[in-house]
Amino acid sequence: VPRGRLFAFDSEGHYVLTCSSSGGIIHKLTNSEQILEPCLS
């Protein structure tokens, strides 16, 4: 079960790093569309 930090932001809060089954995924925060847009695996 989750025990650690599941997400972390870049220094300016524009991108968020999340967990995945084979690594981390960096997403662009797009609040207007209310989605996380994957940018880099």
Full PDB file with SEQRES, HELIX, SHEET, SSBOND, CRYST1, ORIGX, SCALE, CONECT and MASTER records, all heavy atoms in Angstrom:
SEQRES   1 A   41  VAL PRO ARG GLY ARG LEU PHE ALA PHE ASP SER GLU GLY          
SEQRES   2 A   41  HIS TYR VAL LEU THR CYS SER SER SER GLY GLY ILE ILE          
SEQRES   3 A   41  HIS LYS LEU THR ASN SER GLU GLN ILE LEU GLU PRO CYS          
SEQRES   4 A   41  LEU SER                                                      
SHEET    1 AA1 4 PHE A   7  PHE A   9  0                                        
SHEET    2 AA1 4 TYR A  15  CYS A  19 -1                                        
SHEET    3 AA1 4 GLY A  24  THR A  30 -1                                        
SHEET    4 AA1 4 ILE A  35  LEU A  40 -1                                        
CRYST1    1.000    1.000    1.000  90.00  90.00  90.00 P 1           1          
ORIGX1      1.000000  0.000000  0.000000        0.00000                         
ORIGX2      0.000000  1.000000  0.000000        0.00000                         
ORIGX3      0.000000  0.000000  1.000000        0.00000                         
SCALE1      1.000000  0.000000  0.000000        0.00000                         
SCALE2      0.000000  1.000000  0.000000        0.00000                         
SCALE3      0.000000  0.000000  1.000000        0.00000                         
ATOM      1  N   VAL A   1       0.857  -1.184   0.000  1.00  0.00           N  
ATOM      2  CA  VAL A   1       0.000   0.000   0.000  1.00  0.00           C  
ATOM      3  C   VAL A   1       0.891   1.231   0.000  1.00  0.00           C  
ATOM      4  O   VAL A   1       2.049   1.163   0.413  1.00  0.00           O  
ATOM      5  CB  VAL A   1      -0.954   0.018   1.221  1.00  0.00           C  
ATOM      6  CG1 VAL A   1      -1.937  -1.138   1.160  1.00  0.00           C  
ATOM      7  CG2 VAL A   1      -0.184  -0.001   2.518  1.00  0.00           C  
ATOM      8  N   PRO A   2       0.391   2.368  -0.464  1.00  0.00           N  
ATOM      9  CA  PRO A   2       1.221   3.584  -0.502  1.00  0.00           C  
ATOM     10  C   PRO A   2       1.712   3.982   0.882  1.00  0.00           C  
ATOM     11  O   PRO A   2       0.956   3.991   1.845  1.00  0.00           O  
ATOM     12  CB  PRO A   2       0.265   4.642  -1.059  1.00  0.00           C  
ATOM     13  CG  PRO A   2      -0.754   3.868  -1.806  1.00  0.00           C  
ATOM     14  CD  PRO A   2      -0.919   2.583  -1.057  1.00  0.00           C  
ATOM     15  N   ARG A   3       3.022   4.304   0.957  1.00  0.00           N  
ATOM     16  CA  ARG A   3       3.616   4.746   2.217  1.00  0.00           C  
ATOM     17  C   ARG A   3       4.463   5.991   2.055  1.00  0.00           C  
ATOM     18  O   ARG A   3       4.831   6.603   3.029  1.00  0.00           O  
ATOM     19  CB  ARG A   3       4.503   3.638   2.787  1.00  0.00           C  
ATOM     20  CG  ARG A   3       3.756   2.453   3.291  1.00  0.00           C  
ATOM     21  CD  ARG A   3       4.684   1.593   4.136  1.00  0.00           C  
ATOM     22  NE  ARG A   3       4.021   0.384   4.530  1.00  0.00           N  
ATOM     23  CZ  ARG A   3       4.293  -0.803   4.028  1.00  0.00           C  
ATOM     24  NH1 ARG A   3       5.224  -0.951   3.119  1.00  0.00           N  
ATOM     25  NH2 ARG A   3       3.641  -1.859   4.440  1.00  0.00           N  
ATOM     26  N   GLY A   4       4.838   6.329   0.841  1.00  0.00           N  
ATOM     27  CA  GLY A   4       5.742   7.454   0.623  1.00  0.00           C  
ATOM     28  C   GLY A   4       5.088   8.557  -0.179  1.00  0.00           C  
ATOM     29  O   GLY A   4       3.887   8.540  -0.440  1.00  0.00           O  
ATOM     30  N   ARG A   5       5.895   9.500  -0.587  1.00  0.00           N  
ATOM     31  CA  ARG A   5       5.429  10.629  -1.392  1.00  0.00           C  
ATOM     32  C   ARG A   5       5.079  10.123  -2.790  1.00  0.00           C  
ATOM     33  O   ARG A   5       5.913   9.563  -3.486  1.00  0.00           O  
ATOM     34  CB  ARG A   5       6.529  11.677  -1.461  1.00  0.00           C  
ATOM     35  CG  ARG A   5       6.181  12.861  -2.334  1.00  0.00           C  
ATOM     36  CD  ARG A   5       7.328  13.817  -2.400  1.00  0.00           C  
ATOM     37  NE  ARG A   5       7.370  14.571  -1.158  1.00  0.00           N  
ATOM     38  CZ  ARG A   5       8.223  15.547  -0.930  1.00  0.00           C  
ATOM     39  NH1 ARG A   5       9.125  15.861  -1.812  1.00  0.00           N  
ATOM     40  NH2 ARG A   5       8.190  16.202   0.189  1.00  0.00           N  
ATOM     41  N   LEU A   6       3.852  10.338  -3.211  1.00  0.00           N  
ATOM     42  CA  LEU A   6       3.382   9.836  -4.505  1.00  0.00           C  
ATOM     43  C   LEU A   6       3.533  10.850  -5.626  1.00  0.00           C  
ATOM     44  O   LEU A   6       3.362  10.503  -6.791  1.00  0.00           O  
ATOM     45  CB  LEU A   6       1.920   9.396  -4.410  1.00  0.00           C  
ATOM     46  CG  LEU A   6       1.639   8.229  -3.470  1.00  0.00           C  
ATOM     47  CD1 LEU A   6       0.153   7.892  -3.475  1.00  0.00           C  
ATOM     48  CD2 LEU A   6       2.473   7.022  -3.833  1.00  0.00           C  
ATOM     49  N   PHE A   7       3.835  12.099  -5.286  1.00  0.00           N  
ATOM     50  CA  PHE A   7       4.066  13.112  -6.319  1.00  0.00           C  
ATOM     51  C   PHE A   7       4.974  14.196  -5.778  1.00  0.00           C  
ATOM     52  O   PHE A   7       5.062  14.401  -4.569  1.00  0.00           O  
ATOM     53  CB  PHE A   7       2.745  13.704  -6.835  1.00  0.00           C  
ATOM     54  CG  PHE A   7       1.952  14.460  -5.800  1.00  0.00           C  
ATOM     55  CD1 PHE A   7       2.042  15.845  -5.723  1.00  0.00           C  
ATOM     56  CD2 PHE A   7       1.110  13.810  -4.921  1.00  0.00           C  
ATOM     57  CE1 PHE A   7       1.300  16.557  -4.785  1.00  0.00           C  
ATOM     58  CE2 PHE A   7       0.361  14.511  -3.978  1.00  0.00           C  
ATOM     59  CZ  PHE A   7       0.463  15.882  -3.909  1.00  0.00           C  
ATOM     60  N   ALA A   8       5.664  14.870  -6.698  1.00  0.00           N  
ATOM     61  CA  ALA A   8       6.568  15.960  -6.325  1.00  0.00           C  
ATOM     62  C   ALA A   8       6.579  16.975  -7.462  1.00  0.00           C  
ATOM     63  O   ALA A   8       6.466  16.611  -8.636  1.00  0.00           O  
ATOM     64  CB  ALA A   8       7.969  15.436  -6.074  1.00  0.00           C  
ATOM     65  N   PHE A   9       6.717  18.241  -7.114  1.00  0.00           N  
ATOM     66  CA  PHE A   9       6.685  19.332  -8.096  1.00  0.00           C  
ATOM     67  C   PHE A   9       8.086  19.793  -8.468  1.00  0.00           C  
ATOM     68  O   PHE A   9       9.020  19.672  -7.674  1.00  0.00           O  
ATOM     69  CB  PHE A   9       5.918  20.535  -7.536  1.00  0.00           C  
ATOM     70  CG  PHE A   9       4.467  20.271  -7.318  1.00  0.00           C  
ATOM     71  CD1 PHE A   9       3.965  20.104  -6.043  1.00  0.00           C  
ATOM     72  CD2 PHE A   9       3.591  20.190  -8.395  1.00  0.00           C  
ATOM     73  CE1 PHE A   9       2.612  19.854  -5.830  1.00  0.00           C  
ATOM     74  CE2 PHE A   9       2.253  19.941  -8.192  1.00  0.00           C  
ATOM     75  CZ  PHE A   9       1.763  19.775  -6.910  1.00  0.00           C  
ATOM     76  N   ASP A  10       8.188  20.393  -9.669  1.00  0.00           N  
ATOM     77  CA  ASP A  10       9.424  21.083 -10.039  1.00  0.00           C  
ATOM     78  C   ASP A  10       9.500  22.390  -9.259  1.00  0.00           C  
ATOM     79  O   ASP A  10       8.581  22.730  -8.506  1.00  0.00           O  
ATOM     80  CB  ASP A  10       9.475  21.320 -11.556  1.00  0.00           C  
ATOM     81  CG  ASP A  10       8.496  22.379 -12.027  1.00  0.00           C  
ATOM     82  OD1 ASP A  10       7.346  22.423 -11.522  1.00  0.00           O  
ATOM     83  OD2 ASP A  10       8.855  23.174 -12.901  1.00  0.00           O  
ATOM     84  N   SER A  11      10.572  23.139  -9.427  1.00  0.00           N  
ATOM     85  CA  SER A  11      10.804  24.334  -8.601  1.00  0.00           C  
ATOM     86  C   SER A  11       9.776  25.433  -8.817  1.00  0.00           C  
ATOM     87  O   SER A  11       9.576  26.268  -7.943  1.00  0.00           O  
ATOM     88  CB  SER A  11      12.202  24.889  -8.862  1.00  0.00           C  
ATOM     89  OG  SER A  11      12.311  25.327 -10.205  1.00  0.00           O  
ATOM     90  N   GLU A  12       9.114  25.460  -9.968  1.00  0.00           N  
ATOM     91  CA  GLU A  12       8.143  26.531 -10.239  1.00  0.00           C  
ATOM     92  C   GLU A  12       6.701  26.038 -10.237  1.00  0.00           C  
ATOM     93  O   GLU A  12       5.780  26.803 -10.516  1.00  0.00           O  
ATOM     94  CB  GLU A  12       8.482  27.193 -11.574  1.00  0.00           C  
ATOM     95  CG  GLU A  12       9.840  27.885 -11.524  1.00  0.00           C  
ATOM     96  CD  GLU A  12      10.249  28.451 -12.868  1.00  0.00           C  
ATOM     97  OE1 GLU A  12       9.539  28.224 -13.871  1.00  0.00           O  
ATOM     98  OE2 GLU A  12      11.296  29.111 -12.908  1.00  0.00           O  
ATOM     99  N   GLY A  13       6.493  24.775  -9.952  1.00  0.00           N  
ATOM    100  CA  GLY A  13       5.136  24.250  -9.855  1.00  0.00           C  
ATOM    101  C   GLY A  13       4.421  24.061 -11.171  1.00  0.00           C  
ATOM    102  O   GLY A  13       3.195  23.976 -11.195  1.00  0.00           O  
ATOM    103  N   HIS A  14       5.160  23.966 -12.284  1.00  0.00           N  
ATOM    104  CA  HIS A  14       4.526  23.764 -13.590  1.00  0.00           C  
ATOM    105  C   HIS A  14       4.446  22.295 -13.971  1.00  0.00           C  
ATOM    106  O   HIS A  14       3.663  21.915 -14.841  1.00  0.00           O  
ATOM    107  CB  HIS A  14       5.288  24.512 -14.687  1.00  0.00           C  
ATOM    108  CG  HIS A  14       5.327  25.989 -14.485  1.00  0.00           C  
ATOM    109  ND1 HIS A  14       4.192  26.759 -14.355  1.00  0.00           N  
ATOM    110  CD2 HIS A  14       6.369  26.848 -14.372  1.00  0.00           C  
ATOM    111  CE1 HIS A  14       4.534  28.027 -14.189  1.00  0.00           C  
ATOM    112  NE2 HIS A  14       5.856  28.110 -14.181  1.00  0.00           N  
ATOM    113  N   TYR A  15       5.275  21.473 -13.350  1.00  0.00           N  
ATOM    114  CA  TYR A  15       5.337  20.053 -13.673  1.00  0.00           C  
ATOM    115  C   TYR A  15       5.260  19.233 -12.396  1.00  0.00           C  
ATOM    116  O   TYR A  15       5.660  19.695 -11.326  1.00  0.00           O  
ATOM    117  CB  TYR A  15       6.648  19.723 -14.409  1.00  0.00           C  
ATOM    118  CG  TYR A  15       6.743  20.400 -15.748  1.00  0.00           C  
ATOM    119  CD1 TYR A  15       7.307  21.669 -15.859  1.00  0.00           C  
ATOM    120  CD2 TYR A  15       6.248  19.790 -16.902  1.00  0.00           C  
ATOM    121  CE1 TYR A  15       7.379  22.309 -17.089  1.00  0.00           C  
ATOM    122  CE2 TYR A  15       6.317  20.428 -18.133  1.00  0.00           C  
ATOM    123  CZ  TYR A  15       6.887  21.684 -18.219  1.00  0.00           C  
ATOM    124  OH  TYR A  15       6.948  22.319 -19.439  1.00  0.00           O  
ATOM    125  N   VAL A  16       4.749  18.020 -12.522  1.00  0.00           N  
ATOM    126  CA  VAL A  16       4.633  17.122 -11.376  1.00  0.00           C  
ATOM    127  C   VAL A  16       5.137  15.735 -11.779  1.00  0.00           C  
ATOM    128  O   VAL A  16       4.865  15.258 -12.877  1.00  0.00           O  
ATOM    129  CB  VAL A  16       3.181  17.078 -10.835  1.00  0.00           C  
ATOM    130  CG1 VAL A  16       2.206  16.527 -11.860  1.00  0.00           C  
ATOM    131  CG2 VAL A  16       3.097  16.298  -9.539  1.00  0.00           C  
ATOM    132  N   LEU A  17       5.915  15.138 -10.885  1.00  0.00           N  
ATOM    133  CA  LEU A  17       6.453  13.800 -11.071  1.00  0.00           C  
ATOM    134  C   LEU A  17       5.584  12.824 -10.292  1.00  0.00           C  
ATOM    135  O   LEU A  17       5.298  13.047  -9.120  1.00  0.00           O  
ATOM    136  CB  LEU A  17       7.899  13.750 -10.554  1.00  0.00           C  
ATOM    137  CG  LEU A  17       8.603  12.398 -10.489  1.00  0.00           C  
ATOM    138  CD1 LEU A  17       8.776  11.796 -11.886  1.00  0.00           C  
ATOM    139  CD2 LEU A  17       9.952  12.548  -9.791  1.00  0.00           C  
ATOM    140  N   THR A  18       5.155  11.738 -10.955  1.00  0.00           N  
ATOM    141  CA  THR A  18       4.327  10.723 -10.296  1.00  0.00           C  
ATOM    142  C   THR A  18       4.962   9.342 -10.465  1.00  0.00           C  
ATOM    143  O   THR A  18       5.860   9.151 -11.271  1.00  0.00           O  
ATOM    144  CB  THR A  18       2.903  10.687 -10.874  1.00  0.00           C  
ATOM    145  OG1 THR A  18       2.955  10.285 -12.249  1.00  0.00           O  
ATOM    146  CG2 THR A  18       2.213  12.037 -10.747  1.00  0.00           C  
ATOM    147  N   CYS A  19       4.447   8.392  -9.724  1.00  0.00           N  
ATOM    148  CA  CYS A  19       4.886   7.002  -9.800  1.00  0.00           C  
ATOM    149  C   CYS A  19       4.262   6.320 -11.015  1.00  0.00           C  
ATOM    150  O   CYS A  19       3.244   6.756 -11.530  1.00  0.00           O  
ATOM    151  CB  CYS A  19       4.441   6.239  -8.549  1.00  0.00           C  
ATOM    152  SG  CYS A  19       5.051   6.901  -6.996  1.00  0.00           S  
ATOM    153  N   SER A  20       4.884   5.207 -11.442  1.00  0.00           N  
ATOM    154  CA  SER A  20       4.280   4.331 -12.445  1.00  0.00           C  
ATOM    155  C   SER A  20       4.860   2.937 -12.276  1.00  0.00           C  
ATOM    156  O   SER A  20       5.729   2.717 -11.439  1.00  0.00           O  
ATOM    157  CB  SER A  20       4.511   4.848 -13.868  1.00  0.00           C  
ATOM    158  OG  SER A  20       5.787   4.502 -14.338  1.00  0.00           O  
ATOM    159  N   SER A  21       4.407   2.002 -13.093  1.00  0.00           N  
ATOM    160  CA  SER A  21       4.813   0.609 -12.927  1.00  0.00           C  
ATOM    161  C   SER A  21       6.267   0.349 -13.335  1.00  0.00           C  
ATOM    162  O   SER A  21       6.846  -0.646 -12.937  1.00  0.00           O  
ATOM    163  CB  SER A  21       3.891  -0.310 -13.724  1.00  0.00           C  
ATOM    164  OG  SER A  21       3.921   0.048 -15.092  1.00  0.00           O  
ATOM    165  N   SER A  22       6.877   1.262 -14.104  1.00  0.00           N  
ATOM    166  CA  SER A  22       8.251   1.013 -14.555  1.00  0.00           C  
ATOM    167  C   SER A  22       9.174   2.219 -14.401  1.00  0.00           C  
ATOM    168  O   SER A  22      10.281   2.222 -14.917  1.00  0.00           O  
ATOM    169  CB  SER A  22       8.249   0.578 -16.024  1.00  0.00           C  
ATOM    170  OG  SER A  22       7.691   1.601 -16.819  1.00  0.00           O  
ATOM    171  N   GLY A  23       8.724   3.260 -13.711  1.00  0.00           N  
ATOM    172  CA  GLY A  23       9.546   4.448 -13.521  1.00  0.00           C  
ATOM    173  C   GLY A  23       8.700   5.604 -13.044  1.00  0.00           C  
ATOM    174  O   GLY A  23       7.613   5.422 -12.522  1.00  0.00           O  
ATOM    175  N   GLY A  24       9.207   6.811 -13.234  1.00  0.00           N  
ATOM    176  CA  GLY A  24       8.441   8.006 -12.915  1.00  0.00           C  
ATOM    177  C   GLY A  24       7.906   8.621 -14.192  1.00  0.00           C  
ATOM    178  O   GLY A  24       8.433   8.384 -15.273  1.00  0.00           O  
ATOM    179  N   ILE A  25       6.844   9.396 -14.063  1.00  0.00           N  
ATOM    180  CA  ILE A  25       6.291  10.121 -15.210  1.00  0.00           C  
ATOM    181  C   ILE A  25       6.180  11.596 -14.833  1.00  0.00           C  
ATOM    182  O   ILE A  25       5.621  11.923 -13.777  1.00  0.00           O  
ATOM    183  CB  ILE A  25       4.915   9.586 -15.631  1.00  0.00           C  
ATOM    184  CG1 ILE A  25       5.024   8.116 -16.046  1.00  0.00           C  
ATOM    185  CG2 ILE A  25       4.346  10.426 -16.774  1.00  0.00           C  
ATOM    186  CD1 ILE A  25       3.704   7.483 -16.407  1.00  0.00           C  
ATOM    187  N   ILE A  26       6.736  12.458 -15.673  1.00  0.00           N  
ATOM    188  CA  ILE A  26       6.602  13.902 -15.471  1.00  0.00           C  
ATOM    189  C   ILE A  26       5.409  14.380 -16.298  1.00  0.00           C  
ATOM    190  O   ILE A  26       5.304  14.083 -17.488  1.00  0.00           O  
ATOM    191  CB  ILE A  26       7.885  14.646 -15.883  1.00  0.00           C  
ATOM    192  CG1 ILE A  26       9.037  14.235 -14.962  1.00  0.00           C  
ATOM    193  CG2 ILE A  26       7.667  16.158 -15.842  1.00  0.00           C  
ATOM    194  CD1 ILE A  26      10.374  14.832 -15.319  1.00  0.00           C  
ATOM    195  N   HIS A  27       4.512  15.104 -15.629  1.00  0.00           N  
ATOM    196  CA  HIS A  27       3.308  15.639 -16.261  1.00  0.00           C  
ATOM    197  C   HIS A  27       3.357  17.157 -16.217  1.00  0.00           C  
ATOM    198  O   HIS A  27       3.868  17.736 -15.259  1.00  0.00           O  
ATOM    199  CB  HIS A  27       2.048  15.213 -15.497  1.00  0.00           C  
ATOM    200  CG  HIS A  27       1.902  13.748 -15.314  1.00  0.00           C  
ATOM    201  ND1 HIS A  27       1.192  12.960 -16.170  1.00  0.00           N  
ATOM    202  CD2 HIS A  27       2.366  12.922 -14.339  1.00  0.00           C  
ATOM    203  CE1 HIS A  27       1.222  11.708 -15.740  1.00  0.00           C  
ATOM    204  NE2 HIS A  27       1.931  11.667 -14.624  1.00  0.00           N  
ATOM    205  N   LYS A  28       2.788  17.791 -17.212  1.00  0.00           N  
ATOM    206  CA  LYS A  28       2.589  19.243 -17.205  1.00  0.00           C  
ATOM    207  C   LYS A  28       1.253  19.506 -16.524  1.00  0.00           C  
ATOM    208  O   LYS A  28       0.262  18.858 -16.827  1.00  0.00           O  
ATOM    209  CB  LYS A  28       2.589  19.805 -18.619  1.00  0.00           C  
ATOM    210  CG  LYS A  28       2.474  21.318 -18.656  1.00  0.00           C  
ATOM    211  CD  LYS A  28       2.714  21.823 -20.073  1.00  0.00           C  
ATOM    212  CE  LYS A  28       2.577  23.309 -20.188  1.00  0.00           C  
ATOM    213  NZ  LYS A  28       3.421  24.086 -19.314  1.00  0.00           N  
ATOM    214  N   LEU A  29       1.247  20.433 -15.577  1.00  0.00           N  
ATOM    215  CA  LEU A  29       0.003  20.800 -14.911  1.00  0.00           C  
ATOM    216  C   LEU A  29      -0.789  21.728 -15.820  1.00  0.00           C  
ATOM    217  O   LEU A  29      -0.303  22.798 -16.197  1.00  0.00           O  
ATOM    218  CB  LEU A  29       0.279  21.502 -13.582  1.00  0.00           C  
ATOM    219  CG  LEU A  29       0.764  20.620 -12.448  1.00  0.00           C  
ATOM    220  CD1 LEU A  29       1.141  21.479 -11.246  1.00  0.00           C  
ATOM    221  CD2 LEU A  29      -0.298  19.623 -12.053  1.00  0.00           C  
ATOM    222  N   THR A  30      -1.974  21.327 -16.172  1.00  0.00           N  
ATOM    223  CA  THR A  30      -2.854  22.158 -16.998  1.00  0.00           C  
ATOM    224  C   THR A  30      -4.191  22.257 -16.280  1.00  0.00           C  
ATOM    225  O   THR A  30      -5.118  21.519 -16.574  1.00  0.00           O  
ATOM    226  CB  THR A  30      -3.039  21.563 -18.406  1.00  0.00           C  
ATOM    227  OG1 THR A  30      -3.498  20.214 -18.271  1.00  0.00           O  
ATOM    228  CG2 THR A  30      -1.746  21.563 -19.192  1.00  0.00           C  
ATOM    229  N   ASN A  31      -4.271  23.155 -15.314  1.00  0.00           N  
ATOM    230  CA  ASN A  31      -5.461  23.265 -14.476  1.00  0.00           C  
ATOM    231  C   ASN A  31      -6.712  23.647 -15.258  1.00  0.00           C  
ATOM    232  O   ASN A  31      -7.809  23.251 -14.909  1.00  0.00           O  
ATOM    233  CB  ASN A  31      -5.236  24.277 -13.350  1.00  0.00           C  
ATOM    234  CG  ASN A  31      -4.270  23.743 -12.315  1.00  0.00           C  
ATOM    235  OD1 ASN A  31      -4.066  22.542 -12.223  1.00  0.00           O  
ATOM    236  ND2 ASN A  31      -3.672  24.631 -11.554  1.00  0.00           N  
ATOM    237  N   SER A  32      -6.544  24.421 -16.321  1.00  0.00           N  
ATOM    238  CA  SER A  32      -7.717  24.849 -17.074  1.00  0.00           C  
ATOM    239  C   SER A  32      -8.439  23.654 -17.679  1.00  0.00           C  
ATOM    240  O   SER A  32      -9.652  23.629 -17.774  1.00  0.00           O  
ATOM    241  CB  SER A  32      -7.326  25.836 -18.166  1.00  0.00           C  
ATOM    242  OG  SER A  32      -6.385  25.243 -19.037  1.00  0.00           O  
ATOM    243  N   GLU A  33      -7.675  22.626 -18.075  1.00  0.00           N  
ATOM    244  CA  GLU A  33      -8.286  21.442 -18.668  1.00  0.00           C  
ATOM    245  C   GLU A  33      -8.510  20.350 -17.623  1.00  0.00           C  
ATOM    246  O   GLU A  33      -9.121  19.330 -17.910  1.00  0.00           O  
ATOM    247  CB  GLU A  33      -7.384  20.899 -19.785  1.00  0.00           C  
ATOM    248  CG  GLU A  33      -7.174  21.892 -20.906  1.00  0.00           C  
ATOM    249  CD  GLU A  33      -6.054  21.452 -21.836  1.00  0.00           C  
ATOM    250  OE1 GLU A  33      -5.742  20.252 -21.885  1.00  0.00           O  
ATOM    251  OE2 GLU A  33      -5.501  22.319 -22.513  1.00  0.00           O  
ATOM    252  N   GLN A  34      -8.025  20.574 -16.407  1.00  0.00           N  
ATOM    253  CA  GLN A  34      -8.143  19.645 -15.308  1.00  0.00           C  
ATOM    254  C   GLN A  34      -7.624  18.252 -15.666  1.00  0.00           C  
ATOM    255  O   GLN A  34      -8.259  17.239 -15.366  1.00  0.00           O  
ATOM    256  CB  GLN A  34      -9.584  19.591 -14.801  1.00  0.00           C  
ATOM    257  CG  GLN A  34     -10.033  20.934 -14.271  1.00  0.00           C  
ATOM    258  CD  GLN A  34     -11.366  20.874 -13.573  1.00  0.00           C  
ATOM    259  OE1 GLN A  34     -11.975  19.847 -13.470  1.00  0.00           O  
ATOM    260  NE2 GLN A  34     -11.819  22.007 -13.085  1.00  0.00           N  
ATOM    261  N   ILE A  35      -6.480  18.228 -16.329  1.00  0.00           N  
ATOM    262  CA  ILE A  35      -5.818  16.962 -16.643  1.00  0.00           C  
ATOM    263  C   ILE A  35      -4.338  17.096 -16.353  1.00  0.00           C  
ATOM    264  O   ILE A  35      -3.811  18.191 -16.258  1.00  0.00           O  
ATOM    265  CB  ILE A  35      -6.013  16.545 -18.127  1.00  0.00           C  
ATOM    266  CG1 ILE A  35      -5.422  17.606 -19.061  1.00  0.00           C  
ATOM    267  CG2 ILE A  35      -7.455  16.264 -18.434  1.00  0.00           C  
ATOM    268  CD1 ILE A  35      -5.295  17.151 -20.490  1.00  0.00           C  
ATOM    269  N   LEU A  36      -3.708  15.953 -16.216  1.00  0.00           N  
ATOM    270  CA  LEU A  36      -2.255  15.908 -16.138  1.00  0.00           C  
ATOM    271  C   LEU A  36      -1.781  15.403 -17.484  1.00  0.00           C  
ATOM    272  O   LEU A  36      -2.118  14.298 -17.892  1.00  0.00           O  
ATOM    273  CB  LEU A  36      -1.797  14.958 -15.031  1.00  0.00           C  
ATOM    274  CG  LEU A  36      -2.020  15.412 -13.606  1.00  0.00           C  
ATOM    275  CD1 LEU A  36      -1.574  14.331 -12.630  1.00  0.00           C  
ATOM    276  CD2 LEU A  36      -1.255  16.692 -13.330  1.00  0.00           C  
ATOM    277  N   GLU A  37      -1.007  16.217 -18.171  1.00  0.00           N  
ATOM    278  CA  GLU A  37      -0.523  15.875 -19.505  1.00  0.00           C  
ATOM    279  C   GLU A  37       0.867  15.259 -19.407  1.00  0.00           C  
ATOM    280  O   GLU A  37       1.829  15.930 -19.043  1.00  0.00           O  
ATOM    281  CB  GLU A  37      -0.475  17.156 -20.342  1.00  0.00           C  
ATOM    282  CG  GLU A  37       0.045  16.987 -21.728  1.00  0.00           C  
ATOM    283  CD  GLU A  37       0.170  18.338 -22.423  1.00  0.00           C  
ATOM    284  OE1 GLU A  37      -0.692  19.205 -22.216  1.00  0.00           O  
ATOM    285  OE2 GLU A  37       1.146  18.505 -23.164  1.00  0.00           O  
ATOM    286  N   PRO A  38       1.000  13.930 -19.689  1.00  0.00           N  
ATOM    287  CA  PRO A  38       2.327  13.296 -19.610  1.00  0.00           C  
ATOM    288  C   PRO A  38       3.304  13.935 -20.595  1.00  0.00           C  
ATOM    289  O   PRO A  38       2.978  14.149 -21.753  1.00  0.00           O  
ATOM    290  CB  PRO A  38       2.060  11.839 -19.983  1.00  0.00           C  
ATOM    291  CG  PRO A  38       0.592  11.652 -19.868  1.00  0.00           C  
ATOM    292  CD  PRO A  38      -0.031  12.993 -20.101  1.00  0.00           C  
ATOM    293  N   CYS A  39       4.505  14.282 -20.109  1.00  0.00           N  
ATOM    294  CA  CYS A  39       5.525  14.924 -20.941  1.00  0.00           C  
ATOM    295  C   CYS A  39       6.757  14.053 -21.127  1.00  0.00           C  
ATOM    296  O   CYS A  39       7.347  14.039 -22.195  1.00  0.00           O  
ATOM    297  CB  CYS A  39       5.993  16.239 -20.313  1.00  0.00           C  
ATOM    298  SG  CYS A  39       4.744  17.467 -20.174  1.00  0.00           S  
ATOM    299  N   LEU A  40       7.175  13.375 -20.064  1.00  0.00           N  
ATOM    300  CA  LEU A  40       8.429  12.641 -20.094  1.00  0.00           C  
ATOM    301  C   LEU A  40       8.340  11.430 -19.176  1.00  0.00           C  
ATOM    302  O   LEU A  40       7.905  11.546 -18.035  1.00  0.00           O  
ATOM    303  CB  LEU A  40       9.574  13.552 -19.637  1.00  0.00           C  
ATOM    304  CG  LEU A  40      10.992  12.996 -19.651  1.00  0.00           C  
ATOM    305  CD1 LEU A  40      11.423  12.621 -21.062  1.00  0.00           C  
ATOM    306  CD2 LEU A  40      11.952  14.018 -19.055  1.00  0.00           C  
ATOM    307  N   SER A  41       8.747  10.283 -19.691  1.00  0.00           N  
ATOM    308  CA  SER A  41       8.770   9.067 -18.894  1.00  0.00           C  
ATOM    309  C   SER A  41      10.199   8.814 -18.433  1.00  0.00           C  
ATOM    310  O   SER A  41      11.127   8.825 -19.236  1.00  0.00           O  
ATOM    311  CB  SER A  41       8.259   7.895 -19.735  1.00  0.00           C  
ATOM    312  OG  SER A  41       8.317   6.711 -18.978  1.00  0.00           O  
TER     313      SER A  41                                                      
MASTER        0    0    0    0    4    0    0    6  312    1    0    4          
END                                                                             
